[in-house]
Amino acid sequence: MKNLILSLVMLFVGSGMVMGQTATLSVEAADPVNPESIVNFQIKCDVIDDEVSTFQWFFQYDPEVLTPVDITNYHEDFPHYEWMNNLNYEKDVIILTWLSTKATNQEMKTGEVICELQFKYIGGETELKWVVERDITKAKKKILTAMWTDKGVVYDLTLKNVSIGSE
């Protein structure tokens, strides 16, 4: 019996070590009213099992449908002065980077908006997609949407894209 209990405990502990931190991130947007309207895409954390100390998120969009304008509505726990963003990394790629100025973990609450990406809607239909791994010609290397704890542990991410507009 002791061996069975010990085996179950080891299985539980071992599976926790293999799985690591996990999070599900999503993008939400209301359909634009008409061409030339401003559309805000809410970036949310739908599920998370630990706190975060830094993240770097890459998004890809269709520049014939959307034009980046700004990043707004920063969550108070992720203040604007801790962000390093690039709306023009490439003609169809945006990078959002947050780093705790205290180099400590921050709680990311489930269901709350972390920030909003603001675009001018030109017309048509497209997806705003999380970039997980892709060749970026400017950097000439692979890039990665990722999140880390202050111990350097990388999250296993589930990412949900959003579609917007109509033909």
N, C-alpha and C. Protein backbone atom coordinates (compact mmCIF):
# COMPACT_ATOMS: atom_id res chain seq x y z
N MET A 1 0.82 -1.19 0.00
CA MET A 1 0.00 0.00 0.00
C MET A 1 0.86 1.26 0.00
N LYS A 2 1.96 1.21 0.82
CA LYS A 2 2.86 2.36 0.87
C LYS A 2 3.46 2.63 -0.51
N ASN A 3 3.80 1.57 -1.23
CA ASN A 3 4.38 1.74 -2.56
C ASN A 3 3.39 2.38 -3.52
N LEU A 4 2.11 1.99 -3.41
CA LEU A 4 1.08 2.57 -4.27
C LEU A 4 0.91 4.06 -3.97
N ILE A 5 0.85 4.43 -2.70
CA ILE A 5 0.71 5.84 -2.32
C ILE A 5 1.94 6.63 -2.77
N LEU A 6 3.12 6.07 -2.53
CA LEU A 6 4.36 6.73 -2.95
C LEU A 6 4.39 6.91 -4.46
N SER A 7 3.96 5.91 -5.20
CA SER A 7 3.92 6.00 -6.67
C SER A 7 2.95 7.08 -7.13
N LEU A 8 1.78 7.17 -6.49
CA LEU A 8 0.80 8.20 -6.85
C LEU A 8 1.32 9.60 -6.54
N VAL A 9 1.97 9.76 -5.38
CA VAL A 9 2.56 11.05 -5.03
C VAL A 9 3.63 11.44 -6.04
N MET A 10 4.50 10.53 -6.39
CA MET A 10 5.56 10.81 -7.37
C MET A 10 4.98 11.15 -8.74
N LEU A 11 3.92 10.45 -9.12
CA LEU A 11 3.25 10.74 -10.38
C LEU A 11 2.68 12.15 -10.37
N PHE A 12 2.03 12.51 -9.26
CA PHE A 12 1.43 13.84 -9.14
C PHE A 12 2.51 14.93 -9.17
N VAL A 13 3.55 14.78 -8.37
CA VAL A 13 4.63 15.76 -8.32
C VAL A 13 5.34 15.81 -9.66
N GLY A 14 5.64 14.67 -10.24
CA GLY A 14 6.34 14.63 -11.52
C GLY A 14 5.54 15.27 -12.63
N SER A 15 4.23 15.03 -12.67
CA SER A 15 3.42 15.64 -13.73
C SER A 15 3.34 17.14 -13.55
N GLY A 16 3.35 17.63 -12.32
CA GLY A 16 3.34 19.07 -12.08
C GLY A 16 4.63 19.71 -12.55
N MET A 17 5.75 19.01 -12.37
CA MET A 17 7.03 19.56 -12.81
C MET A 17 7.11 19.58 -14.32
N VAL A 18 6.57 18.58 -14.98
CA VAL A 18 6.63 18.54 -16.44
C VAL A 18 5.71 19.58 -17.06
N MET A 19 4.51 19.75 -16.46
CA MET A 19 3.53 20.65 -17.04
C MET A 19 3.94 22.11 -16.90
N GLY A 20 4.52 22.53 -15.78
CA GLY A 20 4.92 23.90 -15.57
C GLY A 20 3.71 24.84 -15.51
N GLN A 21 3.97 26.12 -15.71
CA GLN A 21 2.92 27.12 -15.67
C GLN A 21 2.13 27.11 -16.97
N THR A 22 0.82 27.37 -16.87
CA THR A 22 -0.02 27.42 -18.05
C THR A 22 -0.89 28.67 -18.01
N ALA A 23 -1.25 29.18 -19.18
CA ALA A 23 -2.16 30.32 -19.28
C ALA A 23 -2.87 30.26 -20.62
N THR A 24 -4.08 30.80 -20.64
CA THR A 24 -4.84 30.96 -21.89
C THR A 24 -5.07 32.44 -22.09
N LEU A 25 -4.65 32.95 -23.23
CA LEU A 25 -4.79 34.36 -23.56
C LEU A 25 -5.71 34.50 -24.77
N SER A 26 -6.52 35.56 -24.78
CA SER A 26 -7.43 35.76 -25.90
C SER A 26 -7.46 37.22 -26.33
N VAL A 27 -7.94 37.43 -27.53
CA VAL A 27 -8.16 38.76 -28.08
C VAL A 27 -9.64 38.85 -28.40
N GLU A 28 -10.27 39.97 -28.02
CA GLU A 28 -11.69 40.17 -28.32
C GLU A 28 -11.85 41.54 -28.98
N ALA A 29 -12.81 41.63 -29.90
CA ALA A 29 -13.10 42.91 -30.56
C ALA A 29 -14.55 42.94 -31.00
N ALA A 30 -15.12 44.12 -30.94
CA ALA A 30 -16.46 44.31 -31.51
C ALA A 30 -16.27 44.59 -33.00
N ASP A 31 -17.24 44.16 -33.81
CA ASP A 31 -17.15 44.45 -35.24
C ASP A 31 -17.21 45.95 -35.47
N PRO A 32 -16.41 46.45 -36.39
CA PRO A 32 -16.41 47.89 -36.67
C PRO A 32 -17.74 48.32 -37.29
N VAL A 33 -18.10 49.55 -37.03
CA VAL A 33 -19.35 50.10 -37.57
C VAL A 33 -19.21 50.35 -39.07
N ASN A 34 -18.11 50.94 -39.46
CA ASN A 34 -17.89 51.24 -40.88
C ASN A 34 -16.40 51.47 -41.12
N PRO A 35 -16.00 51.49 -42.40
CA PRO A 35 -14.60 51.79 -42.69
C PRO A 35 -14.20 53.14 -42.09
N GLU A 36 -12.95 53.23 -41.70
CA GLU A 36 -12.35 54.41 -41.06
C GLU A 36 -12.73 54.53 -39.59
N SER A 37 -13.48 53.57 -39.04
CA SER A 37 -13.79 53.62 -37.61
C SER A 37 -12.61 53.06 -36.81
N ILE A 38 -12.54 53.43 -35.53
CA ILE A 38 -11.51 52.93 -34.62
C ILE A 38 -12.06 51.69 -33.92
N VAL A 39 -11.23 50.64 -33.86
CA VAL A 39 -11.61 49.38 -33.22
C VAL A 39 -10.59 49.08 -32.14
N ASN A 40 -11.07 48.75 -30.95
CA ASN A 40 -10.20 48.34 -29.84
C ASN A 40 -10.28 46.83 -29.67
N PHE A 41 -9.12 46.19 -29.65
CA PHE A 41 -9.01 44.75 -29.42
C PHE A 41 -8.56 44.56 -27.97
N GLN A 42 -9.40 43.94 -27.16
CA GLN A 42 -9.06 43.69 -25.77
C GLN A 42 -8.19 42.44 -25.65
N ILE A 43 -7.08 42.58 -24.93
CA ILE A 43 -6.20 41.45 -24.64
C ILE A 43 -6.54 40.98 -23.23
N LYS A 44 -6.96 39.71 -23.12
CA LYS A 44 -7.40 39.17 -21.83
C LYS A 44 -6.65 37.89 -21.48
N CYS A 45 -6.57 37.65 -20.20
CA CYS A 45 -6.08 36.37 -19.70
C CYS A 45 -7.30 35.59 -19.23
N ASP A 46 -7.65 34.53 -19.94
CA ASP A 46 -8.84 33.74 -19.61
C ASP A 46 -8.59 32.74 -18.49
N VAL A 47 -7.38 32.21 -18.43
CA VAL A 47 -7.01 31.22 -17.41
C VAL A 47 -5.53 31.39 -17.13
N ILE A 48 -5.14 31.32 -15.86
CA ILE A 48 -3.71 31.37 -15.52
C ILE A 48 -3.51 30.66 -14.19
N ASP A 49 -2.37 29.98 -14.04
CA ASP A 49 -2.16 29.22 -12.80
C ASP A 49 -0.98 29.71 -11.98
N ASP A 50 -0.44 30.88 -12.29
CA ASP A 50 0.65 31.45 -11.51
C ASP A 50 0.74 32.93 -11.84
N GLU A 51 1.64 33.62 -11.17
CA GLU A 51 1.86 35.03 -11.43
C GLU A 51 2.92 35.18 -12.51
N VAL A 52 3.04 36.37 -13.08
CA VAL A 52 3.93 36.62 -14.21
C VAL A 52 4.86 37.79 -13.88
N SER A 53 6.12 37.72 -14.36
CA SER A 53 7.05 38.84 -14.14
C SER A 53 7.39 39.56 -15.44
N THR A 54 7.21 38.89 -16.56
CA THR A 54 7.45 39.53 -17.85
C THR A 54 6.74 38.76 -18.95
N PHE A 55 6.42 39.47 -20.02
CA PHE A 55 5.90 38.79 -21.20
C PHE A 55 6.24 39.58 -22.44
N GLN A 56 6.25 38.87 -23.55
CA GLN A 56 6.44 39.48 -24.86
C GLN A 56 5.44 38.82 -25.79
N TRP A 57 4.53 39.65 -26.31
CA TRP A 57 3.46 39.14 -27.17
C TRP A 57 3.61 39.72 -28.56
N PHE A 58 3.59 38.85 -29.56
CA PHE A 58 3.64 39.26 -30.96
C PHE A 58 2.27 39.05 -31.58
N PHE A 59 1.81 40.03 -32.36
CA PHE A 59 0.54 39.93 -33.06
C PHE A 59 0.76 40.21 -34.54
N GLN A 60 0.04 39.46 -35.38
CA GLN A 60 0.09 39.68 -36.81
C GLN A 60 -1.30 40.12 -37.28
N TYR A 61 -1.32 41.08 -38.21
CA TYR A 61 -2.58 41.61 -38.73
C TYR A 61 -2.41 41.88 -40.22
N ASP A 62 -3.51 42.12 -40.91
CA ASP A 62 -3.49 42.43 -42.34
C ASP A 62 -3.49 43.95 -42.50
N PRO A 63 -2.38 44.53 -42.99
CA PRO A 63 -2.30 45.98 -43.12
C PRO A 63 -3.26 46.56 -44.17
N GLU A 64 -3.87 45.71 -44.98
CA GLU A 64 -4.87 46.20 -45.92
C GLU A 64 -6.24 46.32 -45.26
N VAL A 65 -6.39 45.78 -44.05
CA VAL A 65 -7.66 45.83 -43.32
C VAL A 65 -7.54 46.68 -42.05
N LEU A 66 -6.39 46.65 -41.40
CA LEU A 66 -6.18 47.36 -40.13
C LEU A 66 -4.91 48.20 -40.16
N THR A 67 -4.96 49.36 -39.51
CA THR A 67 -3.79 50.22 -39.32
C THR A 67 -3.63 50.45 -37.82
N PRO A 68 -2.47 50.08 -37.23
CA PRO A 68 -2.29 50.28 -35.79
C PRO A 68 -2.29 51.78 -35.44
N VAL A 69 -2.96 52.09 -34.32
CA VAL A 69 -3.05 53.48 -33.87
C VAL A 69 -2.36 53.67 -32.52
N ASP A 70 -2.72 52.81 -31.53
CA ASP A 70 -2.21 53.03 -30.18
C ASP A 70 -2.45 51.79 -29.32
N ILE A 71 -1.87 51.79 -28.13
CA ILE A 71 -2.16 50.80 -27.10
C ILE A 71 -2.77 51.58 -25.95
N THR A 72 -3.94 51.16 -25.49
CA THR A 72 -4.68 51.93 -24.49
C THR A 72 -5.18 51.02 -23.37
N ASN A 73 -5.83 51.63 -22.40
CA ASN A 73 -6.53 50.93 -21.33
C ASN A 73 -5.63 49.91 -20.62
N TYR A 74 -4.41 50.33 -20.26
CA TYR A 74 -3.51 49.45 -19.52
C TYR A 74 -4.12 49.13 -18.16
N HIS A 75 -4.07 47.87 -17.77
CA HIS A 75 -4.55 47.46 -16.45
C HIS A 75 -3.68 48.13 -15.39
N GLU A 76 -4.28 48.54 -14.29
CA GLU A 76 -3.53 49.25 -13.24
C GLU A 76 -2.39 48.42 -12.66
N ASP A 77 -2.51 47.10 -12.69
CA ASP A 77 -1.43 46.24 -12.19
C ASP A 77 -0.29 46.07 -13.20
N PHE A 78 -0.52 46.54 -14.42
CA PHE A 78 0.48 46.50 -15.49
C PHE A 78 0.58 47.91 -16.07
N PRO A 79 1.10 48.88 -15.29
CA PRO A 79 1.06 50.29 -15.68
C PRO A 79 1.84 50.58 -16.97
N HIS A 80 1.40 51.60 -17.67
CA HIS A 80 1.95 51.94 -18.99
C HIS A 80 3.46 52.17 -18.98
N TYR A 81 4.02 52.66 -17.87
CA TYR A 81 5.46 52.94 -17.84
C TYR A 81 6.32 51.68 -17.74
N GLU A 82 5.70 50.51 -17.55
CA GLU A 82 6.45 49.25 -17.53
C GLU A 82 6.41 48.52 -18.87
N TRP A 83 5.83 49.16 -19.88
CA TRP A 83 5.68 48.54 -21.19
C TRP A 83 6.71 49.10 -22.18
N MET A 84 7.18 48.23 -23.08
CA MET A 84 8.02 48.62 -24.21
C MET A 84 7.35 48.02 -25.44
N ASN A 85 6.66 48.85 -26.22
CA ASN A 85 5.86 48.35 -27.32
C ASN A 85 6.39 48.84 -28.66
N ASN A 86 6.08 48.09 -29.69
CA ASN A 86 6.48 48.49 -31.05
C ASN A 86 5.31 48.19 -31.98
N LEU A 87 4.59 49.25 -32.35
CA LEU A 87 3.45 49.09 -33.26
C LEU A 87 3.90 48.86 -34.70
N ASN A 88 5.17 49.10 -34.99
CA ASN A 88 5.68 49.00 -36.36
C ASN A 88 6.89 48.09 -36.47
N TYR A 89 6.87 46.97 -35.76
CA TYR A 89 8.01 46.04 -35.82
C TYR A 89 8.25 45.59 -37.26
N GLU A 90 7.20 45.20 -37.92
CA GLU A 90 7.18 44.96 -39.36
C GLU A 90 5.85 45.47 -39.85
N LYS A 91 5.64 45.51 -41.15
CA LYS A 91 4.41 46.10 -41.68
C LYS A 91 3.14 45.37 -41.24
N ASP A 92 3.28 44.15 -40.75
CA ASP A 92 2.11 43.39 -40.29
C ASP A 92 2.30 42.75 -38.93
N VAL A 93 3.26 43.25 -38.14
CA VAL A 93 3.56 42.66 -36.83
C VAL A 93 3.68 43.75 -35.77
N ILE A 94 3.05 43.50 -34.62
CA ILE A 94 3.12 44.36 -33.44
C ILE A 94 3.74 43.56 -32.31
N ILE A 95 4.55 44.21 -31.48
CA ILE A 95 5.11 43.56 -30.30
C ILE A 95 4.66 44.34 -29.06
N LEU A 96 4.13 43.62 -28.09
CA LEU A 96 3.82 44.19 -26.78
C LEU A 96 4.72 43.50 -25.75
N THR A 97 5.48 44.30 -25.00
CA THR A 97 6.39 43.74 -24.01
C THR A 97 6.15 44.43 -22.68
N TRP A 98 5.99 43.64 -21.63
CA TRP A 98 5.84 44.17 -20.27
C TRP A 98 6.88 43.52 -19.38
N LEU A 99 7.50 44.34 -18.52
CA LEU A 99 8.50 43.85 -17.58
C LEU A 99 8.28 44.55 -16.25
N SER A 100 8.12 43.78 -15.20
CA SER A 100 7.94 44.34 -13.87
C SER A 100 9.16 45.16 -13.49
N THR A 101 8.96 46.42 -13.10
CA THR A 101 10.09 47.26 -12.70
C THR A 101 10.70 46.79 -11.39
N LYS A 102 9.95 46.01 -10.62
CA LYS A 102 10.45 45.47 -9.36
C LYS A 102 11.07 44.08 -9.54
N ALA A 103 11.02 43.55 -10.77
CA ALA A 103 11.53 42.21 -11.07
C ALA A 103 10.89 41.15 -10.17
N THR A 104 9.59 41.34 -9.91
CA THR A 104 8.84 40.37 -9.12
C THR A 104 7.62 39.94 -9.90
N ASN A 105 7.00 38.89 -9.43
CA ASN A 105 5.78 38.40 -10.07
C ASN A 105 4.60 39.32 -9.80
N GLN A 106 3.71 39.39 -10.76
CA GLN A 106 2.47 40.17 -10.65
C GLN A 106 1.30 39.25 -10.94
N GLU A 107 0.24 39.39 -10.17
CA GLU A 107 -0.95 38.58 -10.41
C GLU A 107 -1.67 39.09 -11.64
N MET A 108 -2.00 38.19 -12.54
CA MET A 108 -2.78 38.50 -13.74
C MET A 108 -4.13 37.84 -13.51
N LYS A 109 -5.14 38.65 -13.25
CA LYS A 109 -6.44 38.11 -12.87
C LYS A 109 -7.23 37.60 -14.07
N THR A 110 -7.82 36.45 -13.90
CA THR A 110 -8.61 35.83 -14.95
C THR A 110 -9.76 36.73 -15.38
N GLY A 111 -9.90 36.90 -16.70
CA GLY A 111 -11.02 37.63 -17.27
C GLY A 111 -10.84 39.13 -17.36
N GLU A 112 -9.79 39.69 -16.77
CA GLU A 112 -9.59 41.13 -16.82
C GLU A 112 -8.81 41.53 -18.07
N VAL A 113 -9.09 42.72 -18.57
CA VAL A 113 -8.39 43.26 -19.74
C VAL A 113 -7.01 43.73 -19.29
N ILE A 114 -5.96 43.23 -19.94
CA ILE A 114 -4.58 43.63 -19.63
C ILE A 114 -4.26 44.94 -20.33
N CYS A 115 -4.69 45.06 -21.59
CA CYS A 115 -4.56 46.29 -22.36
C CYS A 115 -5.42 46.15 -23.61
N GLU A 116 -5.49 47.22 -24.40
CA GLU A 116 -6.24 47.17 -25.65
C GLU A 116 -5.36 47.67 -26.80
N LEU A 117 -5.40 46.93 -27.90
CA LEU A 117 -4.76 47.36 -29.13
C LEU A 117 -5.78 48.15 -29.93
N GLN A 118 -5.41 49.34 -30.35
CA GLN A 118 -6.33 50.20 -31.08
C GLN A 118 -5.89 50.28 -32.55
N PHE A 119 -6.85 50.03 -33.45
CA PHE A 119 -6.61 50.06 -34.89
C PHE A 119 -7.63 50.95 -35.58
N LYS A 120 -7.25 51.47 -36.73
CA LYS A 120 -8.22 52.06 -37.65
C LYS A 120 -8.61 50.94 -38.61
N TYR A 121 -9.92 50.73 -38.73
CA TYR A 121 -10.44 49.69 -39.61
C TYR A 121 -10.60 50.28 -41.01
N ILE A 122 -9.93 49.69 -41.99
CA ILE A 122 -9.97 50.18 -43.37
C ILE A 122 -11.14 49.58 -44.12
N GLY A 123 -11.44 48.32 -43.85
CA GLY A 123 -12.52 47.61 -44.53
C GLY A 123 -12.06 46.21 -44.88
N GLY A 124 -12.98 45.29 -44.98
CA GLY A 124 -12.65 43.90 -45.30
C GLY A 124 -12.72 43.02 -44.07
N GLU A 125 -12.12 41.84 -44.19
CA GLU A 125 -12.15 40.85 -43.12
C GLU A 125 -10.74 40.36 -42.86
N THR A 126 -10.41 40.12 -41.59
CA THR A 126 -9.09 39.62 -41.24
C THR A 126 -9.12 39.01 -39.85
N GLU A 127 -8.00 38.41 -39.48
CA GLU A 127 -7.77 37.94 -38.13
C GLU A 127 -6.68 38.80 -37.51
N LEU A 128 -6.80 39.04 -36.22
CA LEU A 128 -5.67 39.53 -35.43
C LEU A 128 -5.16 38.29 -34.74
N LYS A 129 -3.92 37.88 -35.08
CA LYS A 129 -3.41 36.58 -34.64
C LYS A 129 -2.21 36.75 -33.71
N TRP A 130 -2.19 35.93 -32.67
CA TRP A 130 -0.99 35.82 -31.86
C TRP A 130 0.08 35.16 -32.72
N VAL A 131 1.29 35.65 -32.69
CA VAL A 131 2.39 35.02 -33.42
C VAL A 131 3.15 34.15 -32.43
N VAL A 132 3.14 32.87 -32.69
CA VAL A 132 3.82 31.94 -31.80
C VAL A 132 5.25 31.73 -32.26
N GLU A 133 5.42 31.43 -33.53
CA GLU A 133 6.76 31.25 -34.08
C GLU A 133 6.69 31.57 -35.55
N ARG A 134 7.58 32.41 -36.01
CA ARG A 134 7.52 32.87 -37.39
C ARG A 134 8.84 33.51 -37.75
N ASP A 135 9.23 33.42 -39.01
CA ASP A 135 10.43 34.13 -39.44
C ASP A 135 10.10 35.61 -39.59
N ILE A 136 10.84 36.43 -38.92
CA ILE A 136 10.72 37.87 -39.06
C ILE A 136 11.97 38.34 -39.78
N THR A 137 11.80 38.87 -40.97
CA THR A 137 12.96 39.21 -41.79
C THR A 137 13.85 40.26 -41.14
N LYS A 138 13.24 41.20 -40.42
CA LYS A 138 14.03 42.25 -39.78
C LYS A 138 14.99 41.66 -38.75
N ALA A 139 14.50 40.71 -37.97
CA ALA A 139 15.30 40.12 -36.90
C ALA A 139 16.12 38.93 -37.38
N LYS A 140 15.72 38.34 -38.49
CA LYS A 140 16.40 37.17 -39.06
C LYS A 140 16.52 36.05 -38.02
N LYS A 141 15.48 35.89 -37.23
CA LYS A 141 15.45 34.79 -36.26
C LYS A 141 14.00 34.49 -35.93
N LYS A 142 13.80 33.37 -35.26
CA LYS A 142 12.46 33.01 -34.83
C LYS A 142 12.04 33.91 -33.68
N ILE A 143 10.76 34.22 -33.62
CA ILE A 143 10.24 34.99 -32.50
C ILE A 143 9.22 34.15 -31.76
N LEU A 144 8.88 34.57 -30.57
CA LEU A 144 8.03 33.76 -29.74
C LEU A 144 7.16 34.63 -28.85
N THR A 145 5.86 34.38 -28.87
CA THR A 145 4.98 34.94 -27.86
C THR A 145 5.17 34.11 -26.61
N ALA A 146 5.55 34.76 -25.51
CA ALA A 146 5.88 34.00 -24.30
C ALA A 146 5.62 34.83 -23.05
N MET A 147 5.50 34.12 -21.92
CA MET A 147 5.39 34.74 -20.60
C MET A 147 6.29 33.96 -19.65
N TRP A 148 6.84 34.67 -18.65
CA TRP A 148 7.76 34.06 -17.70
C TRP A 148 7.42 34.49 -16.28
N THR A 149 7.78 33.63 -15.31
CA THR A 149 7.73 34.00 -13.89
C THR A 149 9.07 34.63 -13.54
N ASP A 150 9.19 35.16 -12.32
CA ASP A 150 10.46 35.77 -11.90
C ASP A 150 11.56 34.74 -11.73
N LYS A 151 11.20 33.46 -11.73
CA LYS A 151 12.20 32.38 -11.64
C LYS A 151 12.64 31.92 -13.03
N GLY A 152 12.12 32.58 -14.07
CA GLY A 152 12.49 32.22 -15.43
C GLY A 152 11.71 31.06 -16.00
N VAL A 153 10.66 30.63 -15.31
CA VAL A 153 9.83 29.53 -15.80
C VAL A 153 8.93 30.06 -16.91
N VAL A 154 8.91 29.35 -18.04
CA VAL A 154 8.11 29.75 -19.20
C VAL A 154 6.73 29.12 -19.12
N TYR A 155 5.73 29.91 -19.44
CA TYR A 155 4.36 29.42 -19.47
C TYR A 155 4.11 28.60 -20.73
N ASP A 156 3.29 27.56 -20.60
CA ASP A 156 2.74 26.86 -21.74
C ASP A 156 1.45 27.60 -22.09
N LEU A 157 1.41 28.27 -23.25
CA LEU A 157 0.31 29.16 -23.59
C LEU A 157 -0.69 28.54 -24.56
N THR A 158 -1.96 28.80 -24.30
CA THR A 158 -3.03 28.55 -25.25
C THR A 158 -3.48 29.93 -25.72
N LEU A 159 -3.48 30.17 -27.02
CA LEU A 159 -3.74 31.50 -27.57
C LEU A 159 -4.97 31.47 -28.47
N LYS A 160 -5.87 32.42 -28.25
CA LYS A 160 -7.10 32.49 -29.05
C LYS A 160 -7.09 33.77 -29.88
N ASN A 161 -7.15 33.62 -31.21
CA ASN A 161 -7.19 34.75 -32.14
C ASN A 161 -8.61 35.29 -32.25
N VAL A 162 -8.76 36.38 -33.01
CA VAL A 162 -10.08 36.95 -33.25
C VAL A 162 -10.21 37.34 -34.72
N SER A 163 -11.39 37.19 -35.29
CA SER A 163 -11.68 37.64 -36.65
C SER A 163 -12.50 38.92 -36.55
N ILE A 164 -12.34 39.77 -37.55
CA ILE A 164 -13.09 41.03 -37.56
C ILE A 164 -13.44 41.43 -38.98
N GLY A 165 -14.56 42.13 -39.12
CA GLY A 165 -14.97 42.70 -40.40
C GLY A 165 -15.73 41.73 -41.27
N SER A 166 -16.04 42.21 -42.46
CA SER A 166 -16.76 41.39 -43.45
C SER A 166 -16.36 41.84 -44.83
N GLU A 167 -16.52 40.94 -45.77
CA GLU A 167 -16.18 41.25 -47.17
C GLU A 167 -17.22 42.16 -47.78
